[in-house]
Protein backbone atom coordinates (compact mmCIF):
# COMPACT_ATOMS: atom_id res chain seq x y z
CA MET A 1 0.00 0.00 0.00
CA LYS A 2 2.88 2.33 0.71
CA LYS A 3 4.27 1.87 -2.80
CA ILE A 4 0.87 2.58 -4.31
CA ALA A 5 0.57 5.72 -2.22
CA ASN A 6 4.00 6.87 -3.38
CA TYR A 7 3.12 6.23 -7.00
CA SER A 8 -0.14 8.10 -6.50
CA TYR A 9 1.68 11.04 -4.96
CA THR A 10 4.24 11.06 -7.76
CA GLY A 11 1.46 11.00 -10.39
CA TRP A 12 -0.39 13.89 -8.77
CA ALA A 13 2.82 15.86 -8.48
CA PHE A 14 3.54 15.27 -12.17
CA LEU A 15 0.02 16.34 -13.19
CA LEU A 16 0.23 19.42 -10.97
CA GLY A 17 3.54 20.32 -12.58
CA VAL A 18 2.04 19.98 -16.06
CA VAL A 19 -0.93 22.16 -15.09
CA LEU A 20 1.30 24.82 -13.55
CA LEU A 21 3.65 24.81 -16.55
CA THR A 22 0.75 25.06 -19.00
CA SER A 23 -0.84 27.87 -16.98
CA CYS A 24 2.44 29.74 -16.87
CA ARG A 25 2.87 29.38 -20.62
CA HIS A 26 -0.68 30.62 -21.25
CA ALA A 27 -0.16 33.51 -18.86
CA GLU A 28 3.16 34.35 -20.51
CA GLN A 29 1.57 34.25 -23.97
CA GLU A 30 -1.34 36.41 -22.80
CA THR A 31 1.09 38.88 -21.21
CA ARG A 32 3.04 39.10 -24.46
CA LEU A 33 -0.18 39.84 -26.38
CA VAL A 34 -1.27 42.48 -23.89
CA THR A 35 2.18 44.03 -23.81
CA ALA A 36 2.38 44.18 -27.60
CA ALA A 37 -1.07 45.75 -27.85
CA ASP A 38 -0.41 48.24 -25.05
CA SER A 39 2.90 49.18 -26.66
CA ALA A 40 1.06 49.83 -29.92
CA ALA A 41 -1.31 52.20 -28.12
CA LYS A 42 1.58 54.06 -26.51
CA ALA A 43 3.29 54.36 -29.89
CA LEU A 44 0.38 56.24 -31.47
CA THR A 45 1.10 59.86 -32.31
CA LEU A 46 -1.61 62.08 -30.83
CA PRO A 47 -2.04 65.78 -30.02
CA GLN A 48 -0.81 66.94 -26.62
CA GLY A 49 -3.09 65.92 -23.78
CA PHE A 50 -4.45 62.83 -25.56
CA SER A 51 -3.60 59.22 -24.80
CA ALA A 52 -4.58 55.83 -26.19
CA SER A 53 -5.22 52.45 -24.65
CA VAL A 54 -6.24 49.06 -26.01
CA VAL A 55 -9.62 47.74 -24.88
CA ALA A 56 -9.66 44.61 -27.06
CA ASP A 57 -7.21 42.74 -29.26
CA SER A 58 -6.82 39.83 -31.69
CA LEU A 59 -10.45 39.92 -32.84
CA GLY A 60 -9.88 39.44 -36.58
CA GLY A 61 -10.71 41.73 -39.50
CA LEU A 62 -12.82 44.48 -37.91
CA ARG A 63 -14.96 46.97 -39.83
CA HIS A 64 -17.21 49.63 -38.24
CA LEU A 65 -18.21 49.71 -34.58
CA ALA A 66 -20.84 51.22 -32.29
CA ILE A 67 -20.79 51.91 -28.55
CA ASN A 68 -23.88 51.67 -26.35
CA LYS A 69 -24.70 53.89 -23.37
CA ASN A 70 -22.91 51.55 -20.96
CA GLY A 71 -19.70 51.49 -22.98
CA ASP A 72 -20.26 48.04 -24.49
CA ILE A 73 -19.04 47.62 -28.05
CA TYR A 74 -20.71 46.13 -31.11
CA VAL A 75 -18.28 45.59 -33.97
CA LYS A 76 -18.79 44.24 -37.49
CA LEU A 77 -16.52 41.58 -38.97
CA ALA A 78 -15.27 41.51 -42.55
CA LYS A 79 -15.57 37.70 -42.54
CA LEU A 80 -17.63 35.33 -40.44
CA GLN A 81 -16.00 33.88 -37.34
CA ASP A 82 -17.60 30.63 -36.20
CA GLY A 83 -20.54 31.60 -38.38
CA LYS A 84 -20.96 35.01 -36.71
CA GLY A 85 -20.59 38.49 -38.24
CA ILE A 86 -21.07 40.78 -35.22
CA LEU A 87 -19.12 40.72 -31.96
CA PHE A 88 -20.48 42.07 -28.67
CA LEU A 89 -17.79 43.14 -26.18
CA SER A 90 -18.24 44.16 -22.56
CA ASP A 91 -15.92 45.24 -19.75
CA THR A 92 -17.67 43.52 -16.84
CA ASP A 93 -15.00 44.24 -14.21
CA ARG A 94 -14.43 47.84 -15.37
CA ASP A 95 -10.67 47.50 -15.69
CA GLY A 96 -10.52 49.07 -19.15
CA LYS A 97 -10.33 45.75 -21.00
CA MET A 98 -13.25 43.98 -22.67
CA ASP A 99 -13.51 40.62 -20.93
CA LYS A 100 -16.87 39.33 -22.17
CA THR A 101 -17.34 38.49 -25.84
CA TYR A 102 -19.96 36.71 -27.88
CA GLY A 103 -20.90 36.68 -31.55
CA PHE A 104 -24.19 36.75 -33.41
CA ALA A 105 -25.66 37.48 -36.88
CA ASN A 106 -24.94 35.09 -39.77
CA TYR A 107 -23.64 37.74 -42.19
CA PRO A 108 -20.40 39.74 -42.52
CA GLY A 109 -20.37 43.37 -43.58
CA THR A 110 -19.38 46.88 -42.60
CA GLY A 111 -22.05 49.24 -41.25
CA ILE A 112 -23.28 49.26 -37.65
CA ARG A 113 -24.95 52.00 -35.58
CA ILE A 114 -27.06 52.52 -32.49
CA GLN A 115 -29.97 54.93 -32.40
CA GLY A 116 -32.32 55.01 -29.44
CA ASN A 117 -33.14 51.45 -28.40
CA LYS A 118 -32.22 49.95 -31.78
CA LEU A 119 -29.05 48.43 -33.22
CA TYR A 120 -28.75 48.76 -37.00
CA SER A 121 -26.35 46.59 -38.99
CA SER A 122 -25.61 45.96 -42.66
CA SER A 123 -24.46 43.04 -44.73
CA ASN A 124 -23.13 43.61 -48.23
CA SER A 125 -26.67 43.68 -49.63
CA SER A 126 -29.08 44.39 -46.75
CA VAL A 127 -29.71 46.41 -43.58
CA TYR A 128 -31.01 44.80 -40.37
CA ARG A 129 -32.32 46.03 -37.03
CA TYR A 130 -32.31 44.58 -33.51
CA GLU A 131 -34.16 45.62 -30.34
CA LEU A 132 -32.02 46.72 -27.37
CA ASN A 133 -32.92 46.47 -23.69
CA GLU A 134 -32.44 49.20 -21.09
CA LYS A 135 -28.73 48.29 -20.84
CA GLY A 136 -28.20 48.75 -24.57
CA GLN A 137 -27.87 45.02 -25.22
CA VAL A 138 -29.64 43.08 -27.96
CA ILE A 139 -32.70 41.37 -26.51
CA ASP A 140 -32.84 38.52 -29.03
CA THR A 141 -29.81 38.08 -31.29
CA SER A 142 -31.69 35.59 -33.44
CA LYS A 143 -34.44 38.08 -34.22
CA ALA A 144 -33.42 40.69 -36.79
CA GLU A 145 -35.84 42.83 -38.75
CA VAL A 146 -34.91 43.27 -42.42
CA LEU A 147 -35.23 46.95 -43.28
CA VAL A 148 -33.51 46.92 -46.69
CA GLN A 149 -32.72 44.06 -49.06
CA GLY A 150 -31.56 43.39 -52.60
CA LEU A 151 -28.80 46.02 -52.86
CA VAL A 152 -26.17 45.35 -55.53
CA ASP A 153 -23.27 43.18 -54.38
CA LYS A 154 -20.77 42.01 -56.98
CA GLY A 155 -17.87 41.50 -54.61
CA ARG A 156 -15.92 44.69 -55.27
CA ASP A 157 -16.46 47.90 -53.27
CA ASN A 158 -19.57 46.29 -51.83
CA ALA A 159 -19.57 47.69 -48.27
CA LYS A 160 -22.96 49.14 -47.36
CA SER A 161 -22.14 52.01 -45.04
CA PHE A 162 -25.12 53.84 -43.65
CA THR A 163 -26.24 56.57 -41.28
CA LEU A 164 -29.53 57.83 -39.82
CA ASP A 165 -31.14 61.20 -39.17
CA GLU A 166 -33.72 62.19 -36.54
CA GLN A 167 -36.67 61.94 -38.96
CA ASN A 168 -36.80 58.15 -39.42
CA ASN A 169 -34.57 58.26 -42.50
CA LEU A 170 -31.87 55.72 -43.25
CA TYR A 171 -29.15 56.64 -45.77
CA VAL A 172 -27.33 53.72 -47.41
CA ALA A 173 -24.29 54.04 -49.65
CA VAL A 174 -23.94 51.63 -52.59
CA GLY A 175 -20.47 51.58 -54.16
CA SER A 176 -19.72 50.83 -57.79
CA TYR A 177 -18.01 47.56 -58.73
CA ASP A 178 -16.79 49.29 -61.94
CA GLU A 179 -14.39 52.19 -61.51
CA THR A 180 -14.94 54.13 -64.73
CA CYS A 181 -18.16 52.99 -66.49
CA ALA A 182 -16.24 52.50 -69.74
CA ASP A 183 -17.10 50.21 -72.65
CA ALA A 184 -14.83 47.59 -74.23
CA SER A 185 -12.97 50.27 -76.19
CA GLY A 186 -12.24 52.29 -73.05
CA ALA A 187 -14.70 55.07 -73.85
CA GLY A 188 -17.05 56.21 -71.12
CA LYS A 189 -20.66 55.18 -71.55
CA LYS A 190 -23.13 58.02 -72.00
CA ASN A 191 -25.79 58.23 -69.31
CA CYS A 192 -23.79 55.69 -67.31
CA PRO A 193 -26.15 52.76 -66.63
CA LEU A 194 -24.31 51.89 -63.41
CA LEU A 195 -25.84 54.92 -61.75
CA ASP A 196 -29.23 53.24 -61.72
CA SER A 197 -28.18 51.06 -58.78
CA VAL A 198 -24.64 51.92 -57.61
CA GLY A 199 -22.40 54.94 -57.21
CA GLY A 200 -24.68 56.85 -54.87
CA ILE A 201 -26.70 57.07 -51.67
CA TRP A 202 -30.28 55.86 -51.28
CA GLN A 203 -32.68 57.07 -48.60
CA PHE A 204 -34.96 54.53 -46.93
CA LYS A 205 -37.38 54.70 -43.98
CA THR A 206 -36.80 53.13 -40.58
CA ASN A 207 -40.52 52.42 -40.07
CA LYS A 208 -40.92 50.12 -43.06
CA LEU A 209 -39.61 46.57 -43.53
CA LYS A 210 -38.15 44.76 -46.54
CA GLN A 211 -37.56 47.84 -48.68
CA GLY A 212 -35.78 47.71 -52.02
CA TYR A 213 -34.62 50.24 -54.60
CA SER A 214 -38.22 50.89 -55.67
CA ASP A 215 -39.10 52.04 -52.14
CA ALA A 216 -36.14 54.42 -51.83
CA VAL A 217 -35.39 58.03 -52.64
CA TYR A 218 -32.26 58.29 -54.78
CA TYR A 219 -30.75 60.89 -52.49
CA ALA A 220 -27.33 61.61 -54.06
CA LYS A 221 -25.36 60.23 -56.99
CA GLY A 222 -21.99 60.55 -58.67
CA LEU A 223 -20.13 59.02 -55.70
CA LYS A 224 -17.97 56.08 -56.77
CA ASN A 225 -17.72 54.32 -53.43
CA VAL A 226 -18.72 55.88 -50.11
CA VAL A 227 -17.58 54.08 -46.98
CA GLY A 228 -17.18 57.18 -44.77
CA LEU A 229 -20.69 58.54 -44.13
CA ASP A 230 -22.32 60.46 -41.28
CA TRP A 231 -25.30 62.66 -40.46
CA ASN A 232 -24.25 66.02 -39.02
CA GLU A 233 -26.59 66.81 -36.13
CA ALA A 234 -25.44 70.44 -36.00
CA THR A 235 -26.23 71.19 -39.66
CA LYS A 236 -29.00 68.61 -40.07
CA SER A 237 -27.34 67.43 -43.27
CA LEU A 238 -25.59 64.43 -44.79
CA PHE A 239 -21.82 64.28 -45.29
CA ALA A 240 -19.92 61.70 -47.32
CA ALA A 241 -16.25 60.96 -47.99
CA PRO A 242 -16.07 58.75 -51.11
CA HIS A 243 -13.11 56.83 -52.47
CA GLY A 244 -11.61 58.49 -55.53
CA ARG A 245 -10.79 56.73 -58.78
CA GLY A 246 -7.38 55.53 -59.96
CA GLY A 247 -5.67 54.34 -63.13
CA LEU A 248 -5.05 57.68 -64.82
CA TYR A 249 -1.46 56.98 -65.90
CA GLY A 250 -1.98 53.27 -66.47
CA LYS A 251 -4.84 53.81 -68.92
CA PHE A 252 -3.84 57.20 -70.31
CA PRO A 253 -0.03 57.50 -70.25
CA LYS A 254 -0.11 60.20 -72.95
CA LEU A 255 -2.22 62.47 -70.76
CA TYR A 256 -0.85 61.79 -67.28
CA THR A 257 2.58 61.19 -65.77
CA GLU A 258 3.32 58.69 -63.01
CA GLU A 259 3.66 61.58 -60.58
CA GLN A 260 0.27 62.94 -61.55
CA ASP A 261 -1.22 59.49 -61.08
CA LYS A 262 0.08 59.48 -57.51
CA ALA A 263 -1.48 62.88 -56.78
CA LEU A 264 -4.83 62.63 -58.61
CA PRO A 265 -7.65 62.74 -57.97
CA ALA A 266 -8.09 64.19 -54.49
CA GLU A 267 -10.03 62.38 -51.83
CA THR A 268 -13.01 64.56 -50.99
CA LEU A 269 -15.62 65.44 -48.39
CA TYR A 270 -19.11 66.45 -49.56
CA GLU A 271 -22.14 67.95 -47.88
CA LEU A 272 -25.08 66.43 -49.72
CA ALA A 273 -28.61 67.73 -50.15
CA LYS A 274 -31.35 65.70 -51.80
CA GLY A 275 -30.67 65.42 -55.54
CA ALA A 276 -26.95 66.22 -55.26
CA ASP A 277 -24.63 64.93 -58.00
CA ALA A 278 -20.88 64.78 -57.29
CA GLY A 279 -20.07 63.92 -60.92
CA TRP A 280 -18.58 60.41 -60.97
CA PRO A 281 -17.79 58.86 -63.46
CA TYR A 282 -17.85 61.93 -65.72
CA VAL A 283 -15.49 64.11 -63.69
CA TYR A 284 -12.96 63.98 -60.84
CA TYR A 285 -11.71 66.68 -58.48
CA ASP A 286 -8.22 68.12 -59.10
CA PRO A 287 -6.94 69.77 -55.88
CA PHE A 288 -4.23 71.71 -57.67
CA GLN A 289 -6.53 73.31 -60.23
CA GLN A 290 -9.37 73.28 -57.65
CA LYS A 291 -11.79 72.24 -60.36
CA LYS A 292 -13.93 69.35 -61.52
CA ILE A 293 -11.92 67.92 -64.41
CA VAL A 294 -13.52 65.91 -67.22
CA SER A 295 -12.53 62.24 -66.93
CA PRO A 296 -10.31 60.99 -69.78
CA GLU A 297 -12.86 58.27 -70.63
CA TYR A 298 -15.27 61.11 -71.47
CA GLY A 299 -12.91 63.17 -73.59
CA GLY A 300 -10.94 64.95 -70.90
CA ASP A 301 -7.31 65.92 -71.31
CA GLY A 302 -6.41 66.66 -67.70
CA LYS A 303 -7.27 70.33 -68.10
CA LYS A 304 -10.80 70.57 -69.42
CA SER A 305 -13.15 71.36 -66.57
CA VAL A 306 -16.88 71.42 -65.92
CA GLU A 307 -18.29 74.34 -63.98
CA ASP A 308 -21.58 74.69 -62.07
CA LYS A 309 -22.93 71.25 -62.99
CA TYR A 310 -21.79 69.13 -60.08
CA VAL A 311 -21.56 69.78 -56.36
CA ASN A 312 -18.09 70.76 -55.16
CA PRO A 313 -16.39 69.22 -52.12
CA VAL A 314 -16.24 71.18 -48.88
CA ALA A 315 -12.77 69.75 -48.19
CA ASP A 316 -10.17 67.70 -50.02
CA PHE A 317 -7.30 65.42 -49.04
CA PRO A 318 -4.30 63.77 -50.74
CA ALA A 319 -5.05 61.12 -53.35
CA HIS A 320 -5.54 57.44 -52.58
CA LEU A 321 -5.93 57.77 -48.80
CA ALA A 322 -9.20 55.78 -48.94
CA PRO A 323 -11.59 57.27 -46.36
CA ASN A 324 -13.32 54.33 -44.65
CA ASP A 325 -15.28 55.90 -41.81
CA MET A 326 -16.17 59.28 -40.35
CA LEU A 327 -18.05 60.88 -37.48
CA PHE A 328 -18.95 64.33 -36.26
CA TYR A 329 -17.79 64.73 -32.68
CA THR A 330 -20.60 65.66 -30.27
CA GLY A 331 -18.94 64.89 -26.93
CA ASN A 332 -17.58 67.19 -24.23
CA LEU A 333 -14.43 65.30 -23.25
CA PHE A 334 -12.19 66.80 -25.93
CA PRO A 335 -11.16 70.48 -26.15
CA ALA A 336 -13.68 72.90 -27.68
CA LYS A 337 -11.99 72.97 -31.10
CA TYR A 338 -13.15 69.40 -31.73
CA LYS A 339 -16.84 70.02 -31.01
CA ASN A 340 -18.93 69.32 -34.14
CA GLY A 341 -15.78 68.73 -36.18
CA ALA A 342 -15.29 65.71 -38.45
CA PHE A 343 -12.98 62.78 -37.69
CA ILE A 344 -12.16 60.74 -40.80
CA VAL A 345 -10.44 57.34 -40.82
CA PHE A 346 -8.09 56.93 -43.77
CA HIS A 347 -7.38 53.30 -44.57
CA GLY A 348 -5.01 53.76 -47.53
CA ARG A 349 -1.73 55.52 -48.14
CA SER A 350 -0.84 58.58 -50.21
CA GLN A 351 2.54 58.62 -51.91
CA THR A 352 2.46 62.39 -52.27
CA ILE A 353 2.71 62.86 -48.50
CA ASN A 354 4.24 59.44 -47.76
CA LYS A 355 1.62 58.90 -45.09
CA GLY A 356 -1.55 56.94 -44.51
CA SER A 357 -3.50 54.63 -42.22
CA LEU A 358 -4.38 57.49 -39.93
CA VAL A 359 -7.26 59.38 -38.34
CA ALA A 360 -7.65 62.95 -39.60
CA PHE A 361 -9.62 65.85 -38.16
CA VAL A 362 -11.43 68.62 -40.02
CA PRO A 363 -12.42 71.58 -37.81
CA PHE A 364 -15.91 72.99 -38.39
CA LYS A 365 -17.46 76.34 -37.53
CA ASN A 366 -21.00 77.40 -38.35
CA GLY A 367 -21.51 74.13 -40.21
CA LYS A 368 -18.54 74.53 -42.57
CA PRO A 369 -14.88 73.50 -42.47
CA SER A 370 -13.05 76.32 -40.72
CA GLY A 371 -9.45 75.42 -41.39
CA PRO A 372 -7.12 72.91 -43.00
CA TRP A 373 -7.42 69.25 -42.09
CA GLU A 374 -4.88 67.86 -39.65
CA VAL A 375 -3.52 64.47 -38.64
CA PHE A 376 -5.13 63.52 -35.33
CA ALA A 377 -3.92 59.94 -34.74
CA ASP A 378 -0.96 58.41 -36.57
CA ASN A 379 1.60 55.62 -36.41
CA PHE A 380 -0.93 52.79 -36.32
CA MET A 381 1.09 50.76 -38.80
CA GLN A 382 4.43 50.94 -37.00
CA ALA A 383 6.36 49.31 -39.82
CA ASP A 384 9.32 47.20 -38.74
CA ASP A 385 12.16 47.02 -41.26
CA GLY A 386 14.57 44.19 -40.71
CA ALA A 387 16.11 41.32 -42.63
CA GLY A 388 14.53 42.59 -45.81
CA LYS A 389 11.00 42.32 -44.42
CA THR A 390 8.39 44.90 -43.50
CA SER A 391 5.51 43.95 -41.23
CA TYR A 392 2.59 46.22 -40.48
CA HIS A 393 0.95 46.14 -37.10
CA HIS A 394 -2.38 47.97 -37.33
CA ARG A 395 -4.56 49.70 -39.89
CA PRO A 396 -7.50 51.87 -38.71
CA MET A 397 -10.88 51.06 -40.23
CA GLY A 398 -13.81 52.19 -38.05
CA ILE A 399 -14.45 54.96 -35.54
CA ALA A 400 -17.12 55.54 -32.90
CA GLN A 401 -17.78 57.85 -29.96
CA GLY A 402 -18.28 56.42 -26.48
CA PRO A 403 -20.72 57.70 -23.85
CA ASP A 404 -17.85 59.44 -22.02
CA GLY A 405 -16.78 61.32 -25.17
CA ALA A 406 -13.75 59.13 -25.88
CA LEU A 407 -13.14 57.84 -29.40
CA TYR A 408 -12.80 54.17 -30.29
CA VAL A 409 -10.90 53.08 -33.39
CA ALA A 410 -11.14 49.57 -34.88
CA ASP A 411 -8.20 47.98 -36.69
CA ASP A 412 -8.61 45.42 -39.46
CA LEU A 413 -5.13 43.87 -39.39
CA LYS A 414 -4.74 42.62 -35.82
CA GLY A 415 -8.33 43.07 -34.70
CA THR A 416 -7.43 45.68 -32.10
CA ILE A 417 -9.77 48.33 -30.68
CA PHE A 418 -8.05 51.48 -29.43
CA LYS A 419 -9.63 53.98 -27.05
CA ILE A 420 -8.45 57.58 -27.39
CA SER A 421 -9.06 59.80 -24.36
CA TYR A 422 -8.20 63.31 -23.28
CA SER A 423 -6.84 64.30 -19.86
CA GLY A 424 -5.09 67.56 -20.65
CA LYS A 425 -5.70 70.80 -18.83
CA ALA A 426 -7.21 72.53 -21.84
CA LYS A 427 -10.53 70.67 -21.68
CA GLN A 428 -13.49 72.94 -22.26
CA ASP A 429 -17.15 71.96 -22.08
């Protein structure tokens, strides 16, 4: 019996050692992940008085996000994870890290917003709605109302960003899968047929289910692919930041140089009224000439302009930055200069300024941009050059405002969510 007891003791000791070793390894791995994420937050370049922290990490390809009144996060996924396209995140112990996570919704996509006691979410062809309880949490994740269906999805530029106003209107952007609307010869098609169903923004109602194109108001057109979209509560108007076109030098080397191709066309910000036409695919905006220039597919030569036919942007940015989300800041945490201004998430990179993957800020006064745009948050990518390799850490994709006035930024490379706060002395309510 003594030998058996010794063997038993030895076995338990061995198992305990294995458990402790495994736990230590898991803890060490978790610490490395946390340390890497926290280091990334500290490495962000922000204005004086601002700081960043990581509230969640390693979530996969994140798109847009929304924050409820309790600070819980809903975030859309670019691809399904375990059959789910939306993640719910909660910080149950209030230590600044999201420790509760679950997924729901059987569709991927981009758009997600909270208004009142409703959560709105989009796939690449539809818009859904869920009921929230008094805590801002979805009551029944299996029960989604279909507000909009049947929007064009051909796989390219198919994100369905959306926003809402206070009058039960839902604005949905439908991007074009074709960049130039040209025929087989390369000539632009007259009365571009694409504009019947893509390249614009459609207005639907929030009090009607299963709407399609025939139920909508064609609110604004001539916008190749809008992913950054928001309703400005101060001006009671719609703002959009579309992706600009490309391929000027590649398709028309006799008209454009490689350097011009890097710098044209500008990325733009529009204020849109009902019936607005921004001009795509017929024109593009040249920031140097400050004009709408006729597209080469439609007989343009890089100089010929069109005046007074299409709405002009209220602000412009370097080419190819790819604006992928935007919001008008309504909180009181940040200094007064940020109130009612526009934060825009740029997902791409511009060779003309050798910069990209950043969050920009456009100051507003009396409903109009009141100064040049500025870089607000930078150094997300943190490129490491070594041994002939370059690895990129983070790339901002979505932005949302929390109940405390902080900003949350979602990253689609590492699946990180950053929280940007302000603690400087210059805070003004």
